[in-house]
Amino acid sequence: MLLSILLAAQPTVPATPTWNPTVGIIISISCVIAVLLATRIERPQVGSKLPGLPLSIPAFIAAMAFGHLIGVGIVLGLTNIGTI
């Protein structure tokens, strides 16, 4: 029964984009923007410090994860409307 439900839902799933340099650039830019926004959080220096950045290691990892989430959303949205 589960297989028949998955087969019924298959035509409604949008195409998954293949990786190309445009996708990499979009993800990279969104990660840089997320790191820049992370410097505005209340306590960016709690924890071990990163040399050269005004962020701690946990804040940097969180910002990069958030940047990837935003970037994937942008890539999927642009793929869905046919731009990429």
PDB file of N, CA and C in Angstrom:
ATOM      1  N   MET A   1       0.818  -1.182   0.000  1.00  0.00           N
ATOM      2  CA  MET A   1       0.000   0.000   0.000  1.00  0.00           C
ATOM      3  C   MET A   1       0.870   1.256   0.000  1.00  0.00           C
ATOM      4  N   LEU A   2       1.952   1.254   0.768  1.00  0.00           N
ATOM      5  CA  LEU A   2       2.832   2.413   0.816  1.00  0.00           C
ATOM      6  C   LEU A   2       3.449   2.674  -0.551  1.00  0.00           C
ATOM      7  N   LEU A   3       3.812   1.619  -1.253  1.00  0.00           N
ATOM      8  CA  LEU A   3       4.391   1.775  -2.578  1.00  0.00           C
ATOM      9  C   LEU A   3       3.397   2.419  -3.539  1.00  0.00           C
ATOM     10  N   SER A   4       2.129   2.047  -3.460  1.00  0.00           N
ATOM     11  CA  SER A   4       1.139   2.640  -4.355  1.00  0.00           C
ATOM     12  C   SER A   4       0.924   4.123  -4.038  1.00  0.00           C
ATOM     13  N   ILE A   5       1.031   4.512  -2.751  1.00  0.00           N
ATOM     14  CA  ILE A   5       0.904   5.918  -2.385  1.00  0.00           C
ATOM     15  C   ILE A   5       2.102   6.706  -2.930  1.00  0.00           C
ATOM     16  N   LEU A   6       3.299   6.140  -2.815  1.00  0.00           N
ATOM     17  CA  LEU A   6       4.479   6.808  -3.339  1.00  0.00           C
ATOM     18  C   LEU A   6       4.429   6.936  -4.850  1.00  0.00           C
ATOM     19  N   LEU A   7       3.950   5.900  -5.524  1.00  0.00           N
ATOM     20  CA  LEU A   7       3.837   5.963  -6.979  1.00  0.00           C
ATOM     21  C   LEU A   7       2.786   6.981  -7.405  1.00  0.00           C
ATOM     22  N   ALA A   8       1.744   7.147  -6.613  1.00  0.00           N
ATOM     23  CA  ALA A   8       0.716   8.131  -6.936  1.00  0.00           C
ATOM     24  C   ALA A   8       1.228   9.550  -6.741  1.00  0.00           C
ATOM     25  N   ALA A   9       2.128   9.752  -5.791  1.00  0.00           N
ATOM     26  CA  ALA A   9       2.661  11.085  -5.513  1.00  0.00           C
ATOM     27  C   ALA A   9       3.828  11.442  -6.424  1.00  0.00           C
ATOM     28  N   GLN A  10       4.389  10.485  -7.115  1.00  0.00           N
ATOM     29  CA  GLN A  10       5.577  10.721  -7.925  1.00  0.00           C
ATOM     30  C   GLN A  10       5.392  11.797  -9.006  1.00  0.00           C
ATOM     31  N   PRO A  11       4.299  11.855  -9.745  1.00  0.00           N
ATOM     32  CA  PRO A  11       4.194  12.885 -10.783  1.00  0.00           C
ATOM     33  C   PRO A  11       4.104  14.311 -10.237  1.00  0.00           C
ATOM     34  N   THR A  12       3.765  14.475  -8.965  1.00  0.00           N
ATOM     35  CA  THR A  12       3.623  15.818  -8.414  1.00  0.00           C
ATOM     36  C   THR A  12       4.923  16.365  -7.839  1.00  0.00           C
ATOM     37  N   VAL A  13       5.971  15.560  -7.756  1.00  0.00           N
ATOM     38  CA  VAL A  13       7.244  16.003  -7.201  1.00  0.00           C
ATOM     39  C   VAL A  13       8.010  16.769  -8.283  1.00  0.00           C
ATOM     40  N   PRO A  14       8.464  18.001  -7.994  1.00  0.00           N
ATOM     41  CA  PRO A  14       9.192  18.759  -9.014  1.00  0.00           C
ATOM     42  C   PRO A  14      10.569  18.155  -9.287  1.00  0.00           C
ATOM     43  N   ALA A  15      11.139  18.525 -10.402  1.00  0.00           N
ATOM     44  CA  ALA A  15      12.448  17.996 -10.787  1.00  0.00           C
ATOM     45  C   ALA A  15      13.520  18.493  -9.818  1.00  0.00           C
ATOM     46  N   THR A  16      14.434  17.620  -9.501  1.00  0.00           N
ATOM     47  CA  THR A  16      15.548  17.977  -8.626  1.00  0.00           C
ATOM     48  C   THR A  16      16.663  18.570  -9.480  1.00  0.00           C
ATOM     49  N   PRO A  17      17.203  19.733  -9.099  1.00  0.00           N
ATOM     50  CA  PRO A  17      18.243  20.340  -9.928  1.00  0.00           C
ATOM     51  C   PRO A  17      19.556  19.583  -9.815  1.00  0.00           C
ATOM     52  N   THR A  18      20.285  19.543 -10.900  1.00  0.00           N
ATOM     53  CA  THR A  18      21.625  18.963 -10.859  1.00  0.00           C
ATOM     54  C   THR A  18      22.593  20.057 -10.442  1.00  0.00           C
ATOM     55  N   TRP A  19      23.716  19.655  -9.857  1.00  0.00           N
ATOM     56  CA  TRP A  19      24.670  20.649  -9.407  1.00  0.00           C
ATOM     57  C   TRP A  19      25.364  21.263 -10.600  1.00  0.00           C
ATOM     58  N   ASN A  20      25.507  22.562 -10.582  1.00  0.00           N
ATOM     59  CA  ASN A  20      26.306  23.291 -11.567  1.00  0.00           C
ATOM     60  C   ASN A  20      26.899  24.504 -10.851  1.00  0.00           C
ATOM     61  N   PRO A  21      27.779  25.250 -11.499  1.00  0.00           N
ATOM     62  CA  PRO A  21      28.395  26.394 -10.817  1.00  0.00           C
ATOM     63  C   PRO A  21      27.383  27.442 -10.335  1.00  0.00           C
ATOM     64  N   THR A  22      26.264  27.589 -11.019  1.00  0.00           N
ATOM     65  CA  THR A  22      25.252  28.554 -10.578  1.00  0.00           C
ATOM     66  C   THR A  22      24.703  28.164  -9.211  1.00  0.00           C
ATOM     67  N   VAL A  23      24.444  26.884  -9.013  1.00  0.00           N
ATOM     68  CA  VAL A  23      23.947  26.403  -7.723  1.00  0.00           C
ATOM     69  C   VAL A  23      24.994  26.653  -6.637  1.00  0.00           C
ATOM     70  N   GLY A  24      26.248  26.381  -6.942  1.00  0.00           N
ATOM     71  CA  GLY A  24      27.320  26.613  -5.975  1.00  0.00           C
ATOM     72  C   GLY A  24      27.465  28.078  -5.602  1.00  0.00           C
ATOM     73  N   ILE A  25      27.321  28.957  -6.590  1.00  0.00           N
ATOM     74  CA  ILE A  25      27.425  30.394  -6.320  1.00  0.00           C
ATOM     75  C   ILE A  25      26.273  30.858  -5.439  1.00  0.00           C
ATOM     76  N   ILE A  26      25.064  30.369  -5.713  1.00  0.00           N
ATOM     77  CA  ILE A  26      23.895  30.758  -4.915  1.00  0.00           C
ATOM     78  C   ILE A  26      24.066  30.308  -3.469  1.00  0.00           C
ATOM     79  N   ILE A  27      24.510  29.071  -3.263  1.00  0.00           N
ATOM     80  CA  ILE A  27      24.718  28.560  -1.906  1.00  0.00           C
ATOM     81  C   ILE A  27      25.823  29.351  -1.202  1.00  0.00           C
ATOM     82  N   SER A  28      26.909  29.644  -1.907  1.00  0.00           N
ATOM     83  CA  SER A  28      28.018  30.381  -1.306  1.00  0.00           C
ATOM     84  C   SER A  28      27.605  31.787  -0.892  1.00  0.00           C
ATOM     85  N   ILE A  29      26.878  32.482  -1.761  1.00  0.00           N
ATOM     86  CA  ILE A  29      26.444  33.840  -1.442  1.00  0.00           C
ATOM     87  C   ILE A  29      25.491  33.838  -0.254  1.00  0.00           C
ATOM     88  N   SER A  30      24.587  32.871  -0.212  1.00  0.00           N
ATOM     89  CA  SER A  30      23.658  32.824   0.917  1.00  0.00           C
ATOM     90  C   SER A  30      24.392  32.507   2.227  1.00  0.00           C
ATOM     91  N   CYS A  31      25.437  31.706   2.166  1.00  0.00           N
ATOM     92  CA  CYS A  31      26.213  31.416   3.377  1.00  0.00           C
ATOM     93  C   CYS A  31      26.991  32.644   3.847  1.00  0.00           C
ATOM     94  N   VAL A  32      27.547  33.399   2.925  1.00  0.00           N
ATOM     95  CA  VAL A  32      28.270  34.621   3.298  1.00  0.00           C
ATOM     96  C   VAL A  32      27.308  35.624   3.930  1.00  0.00           C
ATOM     97  N   ILE A  33      26.125  35.767   3.350  1.00  0.00           N
ATOM     98  CA  ILE A  33      25.130  36.685   3.924  1.00  0.00           C
ATOM     99  C   ILE A  33      24.712  36.216   5.315  1.00  0.00           C
ATOM    100  N   ALA A  34      24.560  34.913   5.499  1.00  0.00           N
ATOM    101  CA  ALA A  34      24.186  34.393   6.815  1.00  0.00           C
ATOM    102  C   ALA A  34      25.278  34.650   7.842  1.00  0.00           C
ATOM    103  N   VAL A  35      26.544  34.528   7.453  1.00  0.00           N
ATOM    104  CA  VAL A  35      27.644  34.811   8.379  1.00  0.00           C
ATOM    105  C   VAL A  35      27.667  36.296   8.727  1.00  0.00           C
ATOM    106  N   LEU A  36      27.414  37.151   7.740  1.00  0.00           N
ATOM    107  CA  LEU A  36      27.366  38.596   8.030  1.00  0.00           C
ATOM    108  C   LEU A  36      26.216  38.935   8.968  1.00  0.00           C
ATOM    109  N   LEU A  37      25.079  38.273   8.793  1.00  0.00           N
ATOM    110  CA  LEU A  37      23.949  38.500   9.694  1.00  0.00           C
ATOM    111  C   LEU A  37      24.217  37.929  11.089  1.00  0.00           C
ATOM    112  N   ALA A  38      25.029  36.890  11.176  1.00  0.00           N
ATOM    113  CA  ALA A  38      25.305  36.261  12.471  1.00  0.00           C
ATOM    114  C   ALA A  38      26.127  37.167  13.377  1.00  0.00           C
ATOM    115  N   THR A  39      26.828  38.129  12.793  1.00  0.00           N
ATOM    116  CA  THR A  39      27.588  39.055  13.640  1.00  0.00           C
ATOM    117  C   THR A  39      26.655  40.001  14.391  1.00  0.00           C
ATOM    118  N   ARG A  40      25.380  40.036  14.009  1.00  0.00           N
ATOM    119  CA  ARG A  40      24.398  40.901  14.660  1.00  0.00           C
ATOM    120  C   ARG A  40      23.673  40.219  15.821  1.00  0.00           C
ATOM    121  N   ILE A  41      23.954  38.931  16.076  1.00  0.00           N
ATOM    122  CA  ILE A  41      23.251  38.253  17.152  1.00  0.00           C
ATOM    123  C   ILE A  41      23.705  38.799  18.505  1.00  0.00           C
ATOM    124  N   GLU A  42      22.958  38.464  19.535  1.00  0.00           N
ATOM    125  CA  GLU A  42      23.201  39.072  20.847  1.00  0.00           C
ATOM    126  C   GLU A  42      24.561  38.717  21.422  1.00  0.00           C
ATOM    127  N   ARG A  43      24.938  37.456  21.355  1.00  0.00           N
ATOM    128  CA  ARG A  43      26.216  37.027  21.931  1.00  0.00           C
ATOM    129  C   ARG A  43      26.983  36.164  20.922  1.00  0.00           C
ATOM    130  N   PRO A  44      27.615  36.761  19.923  1.00  0.00           N
ATOM    131  CA  PRO A  44      28.320  35.957  18.926  1.00  0.00           C
ATOM    132  C   PRO A  44      29.643  35.397  19.423  1.00  0.00           C
ATOM    133  N   GLN A  45      30.121  35.840  20.584  1.00  0.00           N
ATOM    134  CA  GLN A  45      31.425  35.411  21.075  1.00  0.00           C
ATOM    135  C   GLN A  45      31.362  34.370  22.188  1.00  0.00           C
ATOM    136  N   VAL A  46      30.214  33.721  22.389  1.00  0.00           N
ATOM    137  CA  VAL A  46      30.105  32.706  23.430  1.00  0.00           C
ATOM    138  C   VAL A  46      30.662  31.400  22.875  1.00  0.00           C
ATOM    139  N   GLY A  47      31.671  30.850  23.536  1.00  0.00           N
ATOM    140  CA  GLY A  47      32.295  29.617  23.086  1.00  0.00           C
ATOM    141  C   GLY A  47      33.694  29.880  22.557  1.00  0.00           C
ATOM    142  N   SER A  48      34.266  28.865  21.910  1.00  0.00           N
ATOM    143  CA  SER A  48      35.616  28.990  21.347  1.00  0.00           C
ATOM    144  C   SER A  48      35.608  29.995  20.204  1.00  0.00           C
ATOM    145  N   LYS A  49      36.626  30.824  20.139  1.00  0.00           N
ATOM    146  CA  LYS A  49      36.681  31.895  19.151  1.00  0.00           C
ATOM    147  C   LYS A  49      37.302  31.406  17.844  1.00  0.00           C
ATOM    148  N   LEU A  50      36.870  32.003  16.742  1.00  0.00           N
ATOM    149  CA  LEU A  50      37.488  31.777  15.442  1.00  0.00           C
ATOM    150  C   LEU A  50      38.489  32.899  15.183  1.00  0.00           C
ATOM    151  N   PRO A  51      39.701  32.564  14.778  1.00  0.00           N
ATOM    152  CA  PRO A  51      40.655  33.632  14.489  1.00  0.00           C
ATOM    153  C   PRO A  51      40.256  34.361  13.204  1.00  0.00           C
ATOM    154  N   GLY A  52      40.227  35.678  13.264  1.00  0.00           N
ATOM    155  CA  GLY A  52      39.934  36.467  12.079  1.00  0.00           C
ATOM    156  C   GLY A  52      38.467  36.774  11.856  1.00  0.00           C
ATOM    157  N   LEU A  53      37.575  36.170  12.602  1.00  0.00           N
ATOM    158  CA  LEU A  53      36.148  36.443  12.478  1.00  0.00           C
ATOM    159  C   LEU A  53      35.584  36.847  13.836  1.00  0.00           C
ATOM    160  N   PRO A  54      34.623  37.742  13.835  1.00  0.00           N
ATOM    161  CA  PRO A  54      34.024  38.142  15.123  1.00  0.00           C
ATOM    162  C   PRO A  54      32.931  37.173  15.571  1.00  0.00           C
ATOM    163  N   LEU A  55      33.150  35.888  15.358  1.00  0.00           N
ATOM    164  CA  LEU A  55      32.175  34.853  15.712  1.00  0.00           C
ATOM    165  C   LEU A  55      32.857  33.736  16.481  1.00  0.00           C
ATOM    166  N   SER A  56      32.067  33.036  17.254  1.00  0.00           N
ATOM    167  CA  SER A  56      32.570  31.818  17.881  1.00  0.00           C
ATOM    168  C   SER A  56      32.324  30.656  16.922  1.00  0.00           C
ATOM    169  N   ILE A  57      32.911  29.529  17.223  1.00  0.00           N
ATOM    170  CA  ILE A  57      32.750  28.349  16.362  1.00  0.00           C
ATOM    171  C   ILE A  57      31.285  27.905  16.290  1.00  0.00           C
ATOM    172  N   PRO A  58      30.558  27.826  17.413  1.00  0.00           N
ATOM    173  CA  PRO A  58      29.143  27.438  17.301  1.00  0.00           C
ATOM    174  C   PRO A  58      28.307  28.429  16.492  1.00  0.00           C
ATOM    175  N   ALA A  59      28.576  29.717  16.630  1.00  0.00           N
ATOM    176  CA  ALA A  59      27.827  30.718  15.864  1.00  0.00           C
ATOM    177  C   ALA A  59      28.150  30.599  14.376  1.00  0.00           C
ATOM    178  N   PHE A  60      29.402  30.312  14.048  1.00  0.00           N
ATOM    179  CA  PHE A  60      29.800  30.143  12.650  1.00  0.00           C
ATOM    180  C   PHE A  60      29.126  28.920  12.034  1.00  0.00           C
ATOM    181  N   ILE A  61      29.120  27.813  12.761  1.00  0.00           N
ATOM    182  CA  ILE A  61      28.476  26.593  12.246  1.00  0.00           C
ATOM    183  C   ILE A  61      26.977  26.812  12.073  1.00  0.00           C
ATOM    184  N   ALA A  62      26.365  27.489  13.020  1.00  0.00           N
ATOM    185  CA  ALA A  62      24.931  27.772  12.911  1.00  0.00           C
ATOM    186  C   ALA A  62      24.643  28.688  11.726  1.00  0.00           C
ATOM    187  N   ALA A  63      25.483  29.687  11.511  1.00  0.00           N
ATOM    188  CA  ALA A  63      25.284  30.598  10.382  1.00  0.00           C
ATOM    189  C   ALA A  63      25.451  29.874   9.054  1.00  0.00           C
ATOM    190  N   MET A  64      26.430  28.989   8.965  1.00  0.00           N
ATOM    191  CA  MET A  64      26.627  28.241   7.723  1.00  0.00           C
ATOM    192  C   MET A  64      25.463  27.280   7.461  1.00  0.00           C
ATOM    193  N   ALA A  65      24.945  26.663   8.508  1.00  0.00           N
ATOM    194  CA  ALA A  65      23.789  25.780   8.335  1.00  0.00           C
ATOM    195  C   ALA A  65      22.570  26.577   7.875  1.00  0.00           C
ATOM    196  N   PHE A  66      22.368  27.747   8.481  1.00  0.00           N
ATOM    197  CA  PHE A  66      21.256  28.604   8.077  1.00  0.00           C
ATOM    198  C   PHE A  66      21.433  29.079   6.639  1.00  0.00           C
ATOM    199  N   GLY A  67      22.653  29.402   6.255  1.00  0.00           N
ATOM    200  CA  GLY A  67      22.927  29.817   4.879  1.00  0.00           C
ATOM    201  C   GLY A  67      22.645  28.717   3.882  1.00  0.00           C
ATOM    202  N   HIS A  68      22.990  27.486   4.244  1.00  0.00           N
ATOM    203  CA  HIS A  68      22.678  26.364   3.360  1.00  0.00           C
ATOM    204  C   HIS A  68      21.177  26.167   3.228  1.00  0.00           C
ATOM    205  N   LEU A  69      20.453  26.293   4.332  1.00  0.00           N
ATOM    206  CA  LEU A  69      18.992  26.146   4.258  1.00  0.00           C
ATOM    207  C   LEU A  69      18.373  27.206   3.350  1.00  0.00           C
ATOM    208  N   ILE A  70      18.801  28.445   3.514  1.00  0.00           N
ATOM    209  CA  ILE A  70      18.290  29.529   2.679  1.00  0.00           C
ATOM    210  C   ILE A  70      18.691  29.294   1.215  1.00  0.00           C
ATOM    211  N   GLY A  71      19.928  28.905   0.982  1.00  0.00           N
ATOM    212  CA  GLY A  71      20.401  28.665  -0.381  1.00  0.00           C
ATOM    213  C   GLY A  71      19.663  27.533  -1.071  1.00  0.00           C
ATOM    214  N   VAL A  72      19.409  26.459  -0.350  1.00  0.00           N
ATOM    215  CA  VAL A  72      18.659  25.338  -0.936  1.00  0.00           C
ATOM    216  C   VAL A  72      17.244  25.771  -1.278  1.00  0.00           C
ATOM    217  N   GLY A  73      16.643  26.573  -0.412  1.00  0.00           N
ATOM    218  CA  GLY A  73      15.311  27.100  -0.711  1.00  0.00           C
ATOM    219  C   GLY A  73      15.310  27.966  -1.960  1.00  0.00           C
ATOM    220  N   ILE A  74      16.323  28.793  -2.115  1.00  0.00           N
ATOM    221  CA  ILE A  74      16.425  29.642  -3.304  1.00  0.00           C
ATOM    222  C   ILE A  74      16.615  28.790  -4.550  1.00  0.00           C
ATOM    223  N   VAL A  75      17.510  27.806  -4.479  1.00  0.00           N
ATOM    224  CA  VAL A  75      17.768  26.944  -5.640  1.00  0.00           C
ATOM    225  C   VAL A  75      16.517  26.163  -6.029  1.00  0.00           C
ATOM    226  N   LEU A  76      15.837  25.591  -5.046  1.00  0.00           N
ATOM    227  CA  LEU A  76      14.623  24.837  -5.366  1.00  0.00           C
ATOM    228  C   LEU A  76      13.528  25.748  -5.918  1.00  0.00           C
ATOM    229  N   GLY A  77      13.417  26.946  -5.376  1.00  0.00           N
ATOM    230  CA  GLY A  77      12.419  27.886  -5.877  1.00  0.00           C
ATOM    231  C   GLY A  77      12.713  28.306  -7.312  1.00  0.00           C
ATOM    232  N   LEU A  78      13.984  28.614  -7.597  1.00  0.00           N
ATOM    233  CA  LEU A  78      14.350  29.009  -8.951  1.00  0.00           C
ATOM    234  C   LEU A  78      14.219  27.849  -9.931  1.00  0.00           C
ATOM    235  N   THR A  79      14.488  26.633  -9.471  1.00  0.00           N
ATOM    236  CA  THR A  79      14.309  25.470 -10.336  1.00  0.00           C
ATOM    237  C   THR A  79      12.832  25.235 -10.619  1.00  0.00           C
ATOM    238  N   ASN A  80      11.999  25.455  -9.616  1.00  0.00           N
ATOM    239  CA  ASN A  80      10.560  25.231  -9.780  1.00  0.00           C
ATOM    240  C   ASN A  80       9.935  26.203 -10.775  1.00  0.00           C
ATOM    241  N   ILE A  81      10.444  27.444 -10.814  1.00  0.00           N
ATOM    242  CA  ILE A  81       9.888  28.396 -11.782  1.00  0.00           C
ATOM    243  C   ILE A  81      10.601  28.343 -13.128  1.00  0.00           C
ATOM    244  N   GLY A  82      11.633  27.510 -13.231  1.00  0.00           N
ATOM    245  CA  GLY A  82      12.298  27.284 -14.516  1.00  0.00           C
ATOM    246  C   GLY A  82      13.440  28.227 -14.826  1.00  0.00           C
ATOM    247  N   THR A  83      13.933  28.958 -13.855  1.00  0.00           N
ATOM    248  CA  THR A  83      15.032  29.894 -14.089  1.00  0.00           C
ATOM    249  C   THR A  83      16.380  29.176 -14.163  1.00  0.00           C
ATOM    250  N   ILE A  84      16.570  28.182 -13.325  1.00  0.00           N
ATOM    251  CA  ILE A  84      17.836  27.428 -13.335  1.00  0.00           C
ATOM    252  C   ILE A  84      17.653  26.194 -14.192  1.00  0.00           C
TER     253      ILE A  84
END
